[in-house]
Amino acid sequence: MQTIPVLSIVGTSDSGKTTLLEKLLPELKGRGYRVATIKHDVHGFDIDKPGKDTWRHAQAGADVVVIASTDKVAMIEKTKRELSLDEVISRIVDVDIILTEGYKRGNKRKIEVYRACMKRELLCSPDELVAIASDTPFDIGVPCLDINDAAGLVDIIEATFLKK
């Protein structure tokens, strides 16, 4: 079984991580790749709607609730603890790459999103980074591309993770 490469998009809150992912995804899809994303949410979340059948299943005691249709499947699983990134990754199959949003302290390679207006240091050391996506140049031995250069960033992602 081949290991799926994982790349984390990291940065401070409101730095543009989601916006960058929204640019990278169509570029990767346009090049023919199947992509999964994992969003880390430190605050917790709820995707089920009160009163709906799946919500009612969970309220009645189901530990895992799956809803499936002709073109989508969603699974909601109660956990006793926060799963590690590797545990979440192990549940994903049939994709060429997994992009995470967050997990800045994780052990995966990263693209850091940096905006000059945030007036802070980089979160990551050069050895953790594949690239920096920024509105200001950096010279730390890591490619630094414009925050809007999705094609250039995907070129780096391809060269680093998706060599044919």
Protein backbone atom coordinates (compact mmCIF):
# COMPACT_ATOMS: atom_id res chain seq x y z
CA MET A 1 0.00 0.00 0.00
CA GLN A 2 1.45 3.33 -1.07
CA THR A 3 1.59 6.17 1.45
CA ILE A 4 -0.40 9.25 0.48
CA PRO A 5 1.72 12.41 0.69
CA VAL A 6 0.53 15.05 3.15
CA LEU A 7 1.16 18.80 3.01
CA SER A 8 0.01 21.20 5.72
CA ILE A 9 -1.00 24.77 4.91
CA VAL A 10 -0.17 26.75 8.04
CA GLY A 11 -0.20 30.33 9.27
CA THR A 12 -1.71 32.49 11.95
CA SER A 13 -5.44 33.07 12.21
CA ASP A 14 -6.74 35.20 9.32
CA SER A 15 -3.50 34.88 7.33
CA GLY A 16 -5.31 33.40 4.31
CA LYS A 17 -4.91 29.63 4.69
CA THR A 18 -8.42 28.81 3.47
CA THR A 19 -8.15 31.30 0.61
CA LEU A 20 -4.86 29.72 -0.48
CA LEU A 21 -6.41 26.24 -0.35
CA GLU A 22 -9.28 27.51 -2.50
CA LYS A 23 -6.67 28.49 -5.11
CA LEU A 24 -4.52 25.35 -4.85
CA LEU A 25 -7.43 22.89 -5.15
CA PRO A 26 -8.65 23.88 -8.65
CA GLU A 27 -5.03 24.01 -9.86
CA LEU A 28 -4.35 20.47 -8.57
CA LYS A 29 -7.70 19.20 -9.88
CA GLY A 30 -6.99 20.80 -13.28
CA ARG A 31 -3.76 18.80 -13.42
CA GLY A 32 -5.70 15.58 -12.85
CA TYR A 33 -5.04 14.89 -9.16
CA ARG A 34 -7.48 13.54 -6.59
CA VAL A 35 -7.16 15.63 -3.43
CA ALA A 36 -8.39 15.26 0.15
CA THR A 37 -8.38 18.06 2.69
CA ILE A 38 -8.37 17.93 6.47
CA LYS A 39 -9.29 21.04 8.47
CA HIS A 40 -8.06 21.17 12.06
CA ASP A 41 -10.59 22.85 14.34
CA VAL A 42 -9.40 23.49 17.89
CA HIS A 43 -12.85 24.75 18.92
CA GLY A 44 -14.88 21.67 18.01
CA PHE A 45 -17.58 21.54 15.36
CA ASP A 46 -20.98 20.09 14.56
CA ILE A 47 -22.03 19.27 11.01
CA ASP A 48 -25.25 17.50 11.89
CA LYS A 49 -28.52 19.42 12.03
CA PRO A 50 -30.85 18.97 15.00
CA GLY A 51 -33.99 17.09 14.03
CA LYS A 52 -32.50 15.45 10.91
CA ASP A 53 -32.39 11.64 10.75
CA THR A 54 -28.62 11.35 11.27
CA TRP A 55 -28.79 13.72 14.26
CA ARG A 56 -31.60 11.58 15.67
CA HIS A 57 -29.50 8.43 15.20
CA ALA A 58 -26.63 10.02 17.17
CA GLN A 59 -29.01 11.29 19.88
CA ALA A 60 -30.36 7.75 20.23
CA GLY A 61 -26.84 6.46 20.92
CA ALA A 62 -25.05 5.63 17.65
CA ASP A 63 -21.28 6.05 17.98
CA VAL A 64 -20.81 6.25 14.21
CA VAL A 65 -23.40 7.71 11.84
CA VAL A 66 -22.96 7.50 8.07
CA ILE A 67 -25.09 9.19 5.47
CA ALA A 68 -24.65 8.04 1.88
CA SER A 69 -26.13 9.17 -1.40
CA THR A 70 -25.36 8.58 -5.07
CA ASP A 71 -22.46 11.03 -5.06
CA LYS A 72 -21.37 11.64 -1.43
CA VAL A 73 -20.68 9.86 1.83
CA ALA A 74 -20.25 11.53 5.21
CA MET A 75 -19.32 9.87 8.48
CA ILE A 76 -19.66 11.36 11.93
CA GLU A 77 -17.84 9.42 14.62
CA LYS A 78 -17.80 10.16 18.33
CA THR A 79 -14.27 9.88 19.72
CA LYS A 80 -13.04 9.61 23.29
CA ARG A 81 -10.09 11.90 22.49
CA GLU A 82 -8.79 14.07 19.70
CA LEU A 83 -7.37 11.84 16.98
CA SER A 84 -3.82 12.48 15.84
CA LEU A 85 -3.31 13.73 12.32
CA ASP A 86 -1.89 10.33 11.35
CA GLU A 87 -5.02 8.61 12.71
CA VAL A 88 -7.24 10.88 10.63
CA ILE A 89 -5.02 10.38 7.56
CA SER A 90 -5.25 6.59 7.93
CA ARG A 91 -8.99 6.80 7.17
CA ILE A 92 -8.49 8.46 3.77
CA VAL A 93 -8.05 6.37 0.63
CA ASP A 94 -8.02 6.80 -3.15
CA VAL A 95 -6.42 10.25 -3.37
CA ASP A 96 -3.07 11.46 -4.70
CA ILE A 97 -2.36 14.01 -1.96
CA ILE A 98 -3.84 15.21 1.33
CA LEU A 99 -3.75 18.92 2.15
CA THR A 100 -4.33 19.95 5.73
CA GLU A 101 -5.31 23.37 6.99
CA GLY A 102 -3.69 23.92 10.33
CA TYR A 103 -1.60 21.37 12.23
CA LYS A 104 1.21 23.93 12.42
CA ARG A 105 2.93 21.88 15.14
CA GLY A 106 2.48 18.63 13.22
CA ASN A 107 5.31 16.60 11.71
CA LYS A 108 4.27 17.06 8.07
CA ARG A 109 5.96 19.32 5.51
CA LYS A 110 4.36 22.73 5.24
CA ILE A 111 3.60 25.78 3.16
CA GLU A 112 3.42 28.77 5.48
CA VAL A 113 1.08 31.61 4.58
CA TYR A 114 2.61 34.91 5.70
CA ARG A 115 1.22 38.43 5.41
CA ALA A 116 3.42 41.43 6.20
CA CYS A 117 0.55 43.23 7.95
CA MET A 118 0.59 40.54 10.67
CA LYS A 119 4.02 41.85 11.81
CA ARG A 120 5.34 38.59 13.25
CA GLU A 121 8.06 36.02 12.75
CA LEU A 122 7.55 32.90 10.64
CA LEU A 123 5.93 30.05 12.59
CA CYS A 124 8.06 27.36 10.95
CA SER A 125 11.74 26.71 10.57
CA PRO A 126 13.16 26.36 7.04
CA ASP A 127 13.57 22.57 7.38
CA GLU A 128 9.79 22.19 7.96
CA LEU A 129 8.86 24.23 4.89
CA VAL A 130 8.32 23.32 1.26
CA ALA A 131 7.58 26.97 0.45
CA ILE A 132 6.33 30.27 1.80
CA ALA A 133 3.27 31.94 0.27
CA SER A 134 3.61 35.62 1.08
CA ASP A 135 3.00 39.22 0.12
CA THR A 136 6.59 40.06 1.07
CA PRO A 137 9.86 38.37 0.06
CA PHE A 138 11.86 36.06 2.34
CA ASP A 139 15.38 34.77 1.84
CA ILE A 140 15.76 31.80 4.16
CA GLY A 141 16.68 29.11 1.63
CA VAL A 142 13.07 28.11 0.95
CA PRO A 143 11.09 29.12 -2.15
CA CYS A 144 8.97 32.19 -1.42
CA LEU A 145 6.15 32.72 -3.89
CA ASP A 146 3.47 35.36 -4.13
CA ILE A 147 0.45 34.41 -2.05
CA ASN A 148 -1.67 34.40 -5.25
CA ASP A 149 0.70 32.22 -7.34
CA ALA A 150 -1.27 28.97 -7.13
CA ALA A 151 0.31 27.58 -10.32
CA GLY A 152 3.82 28.19 -9.00
CA LEU A 153 2.99 26.64 -5.64
CA VAL A 154 1.45 23.59 -7.32
CA ASP A 155 4.60 23.27 -9.45
CA ILE A 156 6.53 22.96 -6.17
CA ILE A 157 3.94 20.53 -4.73
CA GLU A 158 4.19 18.37 -7.86
CA ALA A 159 8.00 18.36 -7.81
CA THR A 160 8.12 17.57 -4.08
CA PHE A 161 5.24 15.12 -3.60
CA LEU A 162 3.71 14.01 -6.89
CA LYS A 163 6.63 12.95 -9.05
CA LYS A 164 5.23 10.67 -11.73
